[in-house]
Structures are given as structure tokens and as C-alpha cells.
Amino acid sequence: MIIEDEQDLLNLYKDFLINKGYHISVTNTTASNILNDYEEFKPDLVILDYKLPDGKNGLEAANEIFNKYPFASILIISAYDSVKQAFNSDKRFITKNIKLLIKPFKLTKLNELAVELVNKKTNKHIKS
């Protein structure tokens, strides 16, 4: 699942990940339906832009998912280095399967973090 308000970036991430063998079940340019989309598709990973046009930022959208699905895997992408501080100081995410990636980045880093988050989620389910 990819939520990114810039259509060009959304397409770039989607095409790259499909070429790496991922199945992208849903994409959107806003987080207004993020919980409904998550419930419908139950993705292994949510890639979520930090700055979204519907008044909800990526950390808020991630928290919304974690409140109902505590074992979700989320990768937040931001162009704002200042988001690191908010992310690192947010106690709600300490035990969650979540990472932050700051733009610009190499697409190989996107794949690396996606693999890490999905593998961590899979291992949690196996241990449960």
C-alpha cells in the first residue's frame, strides 16, 4: 500500500517495487481512507508520505493504523529532516514496526527498508 500525494513519486515507488517483485494492492494520494483501505487489503507494508493534503500527516495516519492493527508495518517517507525529531520522540512508536526514510534517498534504500519491515512483521506472526 502506497500513500503519496505527489503522483510522480507514487508512480516511481510503485513501478520500482513492482519490478522488485512486490504486489501493490492499493495506492492513494491522500490518507482520508487509509484505515478503510488497510482493512480491505491488509497489506504487508504501508509506505506513507509524511506531508499529506488532507490535514493528516504521516505520523497521525500511522498512529490511526496502529491503534487498530498494532502489528502493522509502516515506512514513513518525508522530505523534512525535522520530522526525525518528532518521530524519534513519539513514544507511541517505540514498540511498533515502523521506520522513517528522509528524501532524497536511493530506491535501493526503499527496498532495503521494505524487506526489513516485512521480514520483521513475518517473524512476529511466526512467534505469536
C-alpha atoms as a PDB file:
ATOM      1  CA  MET A   1       0.000   0.000   0.000  1.00  0.00           C
ATOM      2  CA  ILE A   2       1.447   3.372  -1.000  1.00  0.00           C
ATOM      3  CA  ILE A   3       0.068   6.741   0.134  1.00  0.00           C
ATOM      4  CA  GLU A   4       1.907   9.621  -1.570  1.00  0.00           C
ATOM      5  CA  ASP A   5       0.393  12.954  -2.577  1.00  0.00           C
ATOM      6  CA  GLU A   6       2.811  13.542  -5.475  1.00  0.00           C
ATOM      7  CA  GLN A   7       1.570  11.305  -8.299  1.00  0.00           C
ATOM      8  CA  ASP A   8       5.000  11.143  -9.989  1.00  0.00           C
ATOM      9  CA  LEU A   9       6.622   9.841  -6.787  1.00  0.00           C
ATOM     10  CA  LEU A  10       3.757   7.446  -6.175  1.00  0.00           C
ATOM     11  CA  ASN A  11       4.243   6.014  -9.681  1.00  0.00           C
ATOM     12  CA  LEU A  12       8.029   5.858  -9.223  1.00  0.00           C
ATOM     13  CA  TYR A  13       7.759   3.932  -5.933  1.00  0.00           C
ATOM     14  CA  LYS A  14       5.057   1.666  -7.331  1.00  0.00           C
ATOM     15  CA  ASP A  15       6.927   0.835 -10.558  1.00  0.00           C
ATOM     16  CA  PHE A  16      10.195   0.253  -8.703  1.00  0.00           C
ATOM     17  CA  LEU A  17       8.625  -2.050  -6.133  1.00  0.00           C
ATOM     18  CA  ILE A  18       6.650  -3.994  -8.748  1.00  0.00           C
ATOM     19  CA  ASN A  19       9.917  -4.545 -10.634  1.00  0.00           C
ATOM     20  CA  LYS A  20      11.391  -5.884  -7.362  1.00  0.00           C
ATOM     21  CA  GLY A  21       8.572  -8.436  -7.136  1.00  0.00           C
ATOM     22  CA  TYR A  22       6.172  -6.668  -4.780  1.00  0.00           C
ATOM     23  CA  HIS A  23       2.420  -6.639  -5.311  1.00  0.00           C
ATOM     24  CA  ILE A  24       0.952  -3.179  -4.744  1.00  0.00           C
ATOM     25  CA  SER A  25      -2.659  -3.708  -3.694  1.00  0.00           C
ATOM     26  CA  VAL A  26      -3.687  -0.072  -3.287  1.00  0.00           C
ATOM     27  CA  THR A  27      -2.351   3.434  -3.854  1.00  0.00           C
ATOM     28  CA  ASN A  28      -3.792   6.781  -2.893  1.00  0.00           C
ATOM     29  CA  THR A  29      -2.809  10.442  -2.867  1.00  0.00           C
ATOM     30  CA  THR A  30      -4.476  11.170   0.487  1.00  0.00           C
ATOM     31  CA  ALA A  31      -4.818   9.372   3.812  1.00  0.00           C
ATOM     32  CA  SER A  32      -8.509  10.125   4.155  1.00  0.00           C
ATOM     33  CA  ASN A  33      -9.438   6.452   3.542  1.00  0.00           C
ATOM     34  CA  ILE A  34      -6.287   4.902   4.964  1.00  0.00           C
ATOM     35  CA  LEU A  35      -7.988   2.802   7.628  1.00  0.00           C
ATOM     36  CA  ASN A  36     -10.667   1.532   5.229  1.00  0.00           C
ATOM     37  CA  ASP A  37      -8.006   0.691   2.632  1.00  0.00           C
ATOM     38  CA  TYR A  38      -5.900  -1.070   5.263  1.00  0.00           C
ATOM     39  CA  GLU A  39      -8.888  -3.076   6.487  1.00  0.00           C
ATOM     40  CA  GLU A  40      -9.868  -4.075   2.951  1.00  0.00           C
ATOM     41  CA  PHE A  41      -6.420  -5.039   1.617  1.00  0.00           C
ATOM     42  CA  LYS A  42      -4.445  -5.948   4.802  1.00  0.00           C
ATOM     43  CA  PRO A  43      -1.111  -5.029   3.165  1.00  0.00           C
ATOM     44  CA  ASP A  44       2.176  -6.414   4.450  1.00  0.00           C
ATOM     45  CA  LEU A  45       3.592  -2.883   4.317  1.00  0.00           C
ATOM     46  CA  VAL A  46       2.271   0.670   4.189  1.00  0.00           C
ATOM     47  CA  ILE A  47       4.510   3.259   2.551  1.00  0.00           C
ATOM     48  CA  LEU A  48       3.254   6.593   3.774  1.00  0.00           C
ATOM     49  CA  ASP A  49       4.328  10.103   2.861  1.00  0.00           C
ATOM     50  CA  TYR A  50       4.626  12.435   5.842  1.00  0.00           C
ATOM     51  CA  LYS A  51       3.053  15.542   4.344  1.00  0.00           C
ATOM     52  CA  LEU A  52      -0.413  14.831   3.025  1.00  0.00           C
ATOM     53  CA  PRO A  53      -3.033  17.218   1.604  1.00  0.00           C
ATOM     54  CA  ASP A  54      -5.988  16.177   3.760  1.00  0.00           C
ATOM     55  CA  GLY A  55      -4.808  17.724   7.030  1.00  0.00           C
ATOM     56  CA  LYS A  56      -3.393  14.467   8.381  1.00  0.00           C
ATOM     57  CA  ASN A  57       0.356  13.892   8.484  1.00  0.00           C
ATOM     58  CA  GLY A  58       2.048  10.518   8.128  1.00  0.00           C
ATOM     59  CA  LEU A  59       2.660  10.093  11.851  1.00  0.00           C
ATOM     60  CA  GLU A  60      -1.026  10.687  12.593  1.00  0.00           C
ATOM     61  CA  ALA A  61      -2.077   8.282   9.836  1.00  0.00           C
ATOM     62  CA  ALA A  62       0.377   5.656  11.112  1.00  0.00           C
ATOM     63  CA  ASN A  63      -0.980   6.014  14.629  1.00  0.00           C
ATOM     64  CA  GLU A  64      -4.513   5.569  13.298  1.00  0.00           C
ATOM     65  CA  ILE A  65      -3.490   2.233  11.756  1.00  0.00           C
ATOM     66  CA  PHE A  66      -1.520   1.091  14.812  1.00  0.00           C
ATOM     67  CA  ASN A  67      -4.470   1.822  17.117  1.00  0.00           C
ATOM     68  CA  LYS A  68      -6.472  -0.869  15.354  1.00  0.00           C
ATOM     69  CA  TYR A  69      -3.663  -3.018  13.885  1.00  0.00           C
ATOM     70  CA  PRO A  70      -0.723  -2.950  16.322  1.00  0.00           C
ATOM     71  CA  PHE A  71       1.349  -5.379  14.222  1.00  0.00           C
ATOM     72  CA  ALA A  72       1.183  -3.323  11.012  1.00  0.00           C
ATOM     73  CA  SER A  73       4.411  -2.446   9.188  1.00  0.00           C
ATOM     74  CA  ILE A  74       4.801   1.166   8.119  1.00  0.00           C
ATOM     75  CA  LEU A  75       7.506   3.103   6.293  1.00  0.00           C
ATOM     76  CA  ILE A  76       7.105   6.866   6.542  1.00  0.00           C
ATOM     77  CA  ILE A  77       8.807   8.973   3.886  1.00  0.00           C
ATOM     78  CA  SER A  78       9.490  12.662   4.418  1.00  0.00           C
ATOM     79  CA  ALA A  79      11.371  15.486   2.745  1.00  0.00           C
ATOM     80  CA  TYR A  80      11.578  17.238   6.117  1.00  0.00           C
ATOM     81  CA  ASP A  81      14.611  16.374   8.208  1.00  0.00           C
ATOM     82  CA  SER A  82      12.825  17.935  11.205  1.00  0.00           C
ATOM     83  CA  VAL A  83      10.370  15.018  11.170  1.00  0.00           C
ATOM     84  CA  LYS A  84      13.162  12.823  12.605  1.00  0.00           C
ATOM     85  CA  GLN A  85      12.863  14.549  15.969  1.00  0.00           C
ATOM     86  CA  ALA A  86       9.080  14.192  16.114  1.00  0.00           C
ATOM     87  CA  PHE A  87       9.335  10.571  15.006  1.00  0.00           C
ATOM     88  CA  ASN A  88      12.105   9.640  17.437  1.00  0.00           C
ATOM     89  CA  SER A  89      10.410  11.337  20.388  1.00  0.00           C
ATOM     90  CA  ASP A  90       6.967   9.823  19.748  1.00  0.00           C
ATOM     91  CA  LYS A  91       6.603   7.168  22.454  1.00  0.00           C
ATOM     92  CA  ARG A  92       3.679   5.555  20.621  1.00  0.00           C
ATOM     93  CA  PHE A  93       6.066   4.127  18.018  1.00  0.00           C
ATOM     94  CA  ILE A  94       8.743   2.630  20.311  1.00  0.00           C
ATOM     95  CA  THR A  95       7.399  -0.917  20.104  1.00  0.00           C
ATOM     96  CA  LYS A  96       5.952  -0.649  16.588  1.00  0.00           C
ATOM     97  CA  ASN A  97       7.267  -1.943  13.275  1.00  0.00           C
ATOM     98  CA  ILE A  98       7.887   1.466  11.738  1.00  0.00           C
ATOM     99  CA  LYS A  99      10.787   3.230  10.017  1.00  0.00           C
ATOM    100  CA  LEU A 100      11.408   6.730   8.713  1.00  0.00           C
ATOM    101  CA  LEU A 101      13.127   7.475   5.398  1.00  0.00           C
ATOM    102  CA  ILE A 102      14.210  11.027   4.573  1.00  0.00           C
ATOM    103  CA  LYS A 103      14.172  12.289   0.957  1.00  0.00           C
ATOM    104  CA  PRO A 104      16.227  12.303  -1.140  1.00  0.00           C
ATOM    105  CA  PHE A 105      17.145   8.640  -0.985  1.00  0.00           C
ATOM    106  CA  LYS A 106      18.203   5.883  -3.333  1.00  0.00           C
ATOM    107  CA  LEU A 107      15.455   3.495  -4.331  1.00  0.00           C
ATOM    108  CA  THR A 108      17.645   0.639  -3.131  1.00  0.00           C
ATOM    109  CA  LYS A 109      17.221   2.052   0.400  1.00  0.00           C
ATOM    110  CA  LEU A 110      13.436   1.954  -0.074  1.00  0.00           C
ATOM    111  CA  ASN A 111      13.692  -1.725  -0.999  1.00  0.00           C
ATOM    112  CA  GLU A 112      16.074  -2.445   1.889  1.00  0.00           C
ATOM    113  CA  LEU A 113      13.710  -0.949   4.471  1.00  0.00           C
ATOM    114  CA  ALA A 114      10.674  -2.605   2.869  1.00  0.00           C
ATOM    115  CA  VAL A 115      12.348  -6.009   3.148  1.00  0.00           C
ATOM    116  CA  GLU A 116      13.374  -5.309   6.749  1.00  0.00           C
ATOM    117  CA  LEU A 117       9.878  -4.232   7.806  1.00  0.00           C
ATOM    118  CA  VAL A 118       8.098  -7.105   6.053  1.00  0.00           C
ATOM    119  CA  ASN A 119      10.539  -9.679   7.466  1.00  0.00           C
ATOM    120  CA  LYS A 120      10.130  -8.268  10.976  1.00  0.00           C
ATOM    121  CA  LYS A 121       6.334  -8.470  10.628  1.00  0.00           C
ATOM    122  CA  THR A 122       6.518 -12.041   9.359  1.00  0.00           C
ATOM    123  CA  ASN A 123       8.770 -13.063  12.249  1.00  0.00           C
ATOM    124  CA  LYS A 124       6.380 -11.508  14.789  1.00  0.00           C
ATOM    125  CA  HIS A 125       3.488 -13.531  13.387  1.00  0.00           C
ATOM    126  CA  ILE A 126       5.513 -16.752  13.422  1.00  0.00           C
ATOM    127  CA  LYS A 127       6.485 -16.234  17.084  1.00  0.00           C
ATOM    128  CA  SER A 128       2.934 -15.434  18.157  1.00  0.00           C
END
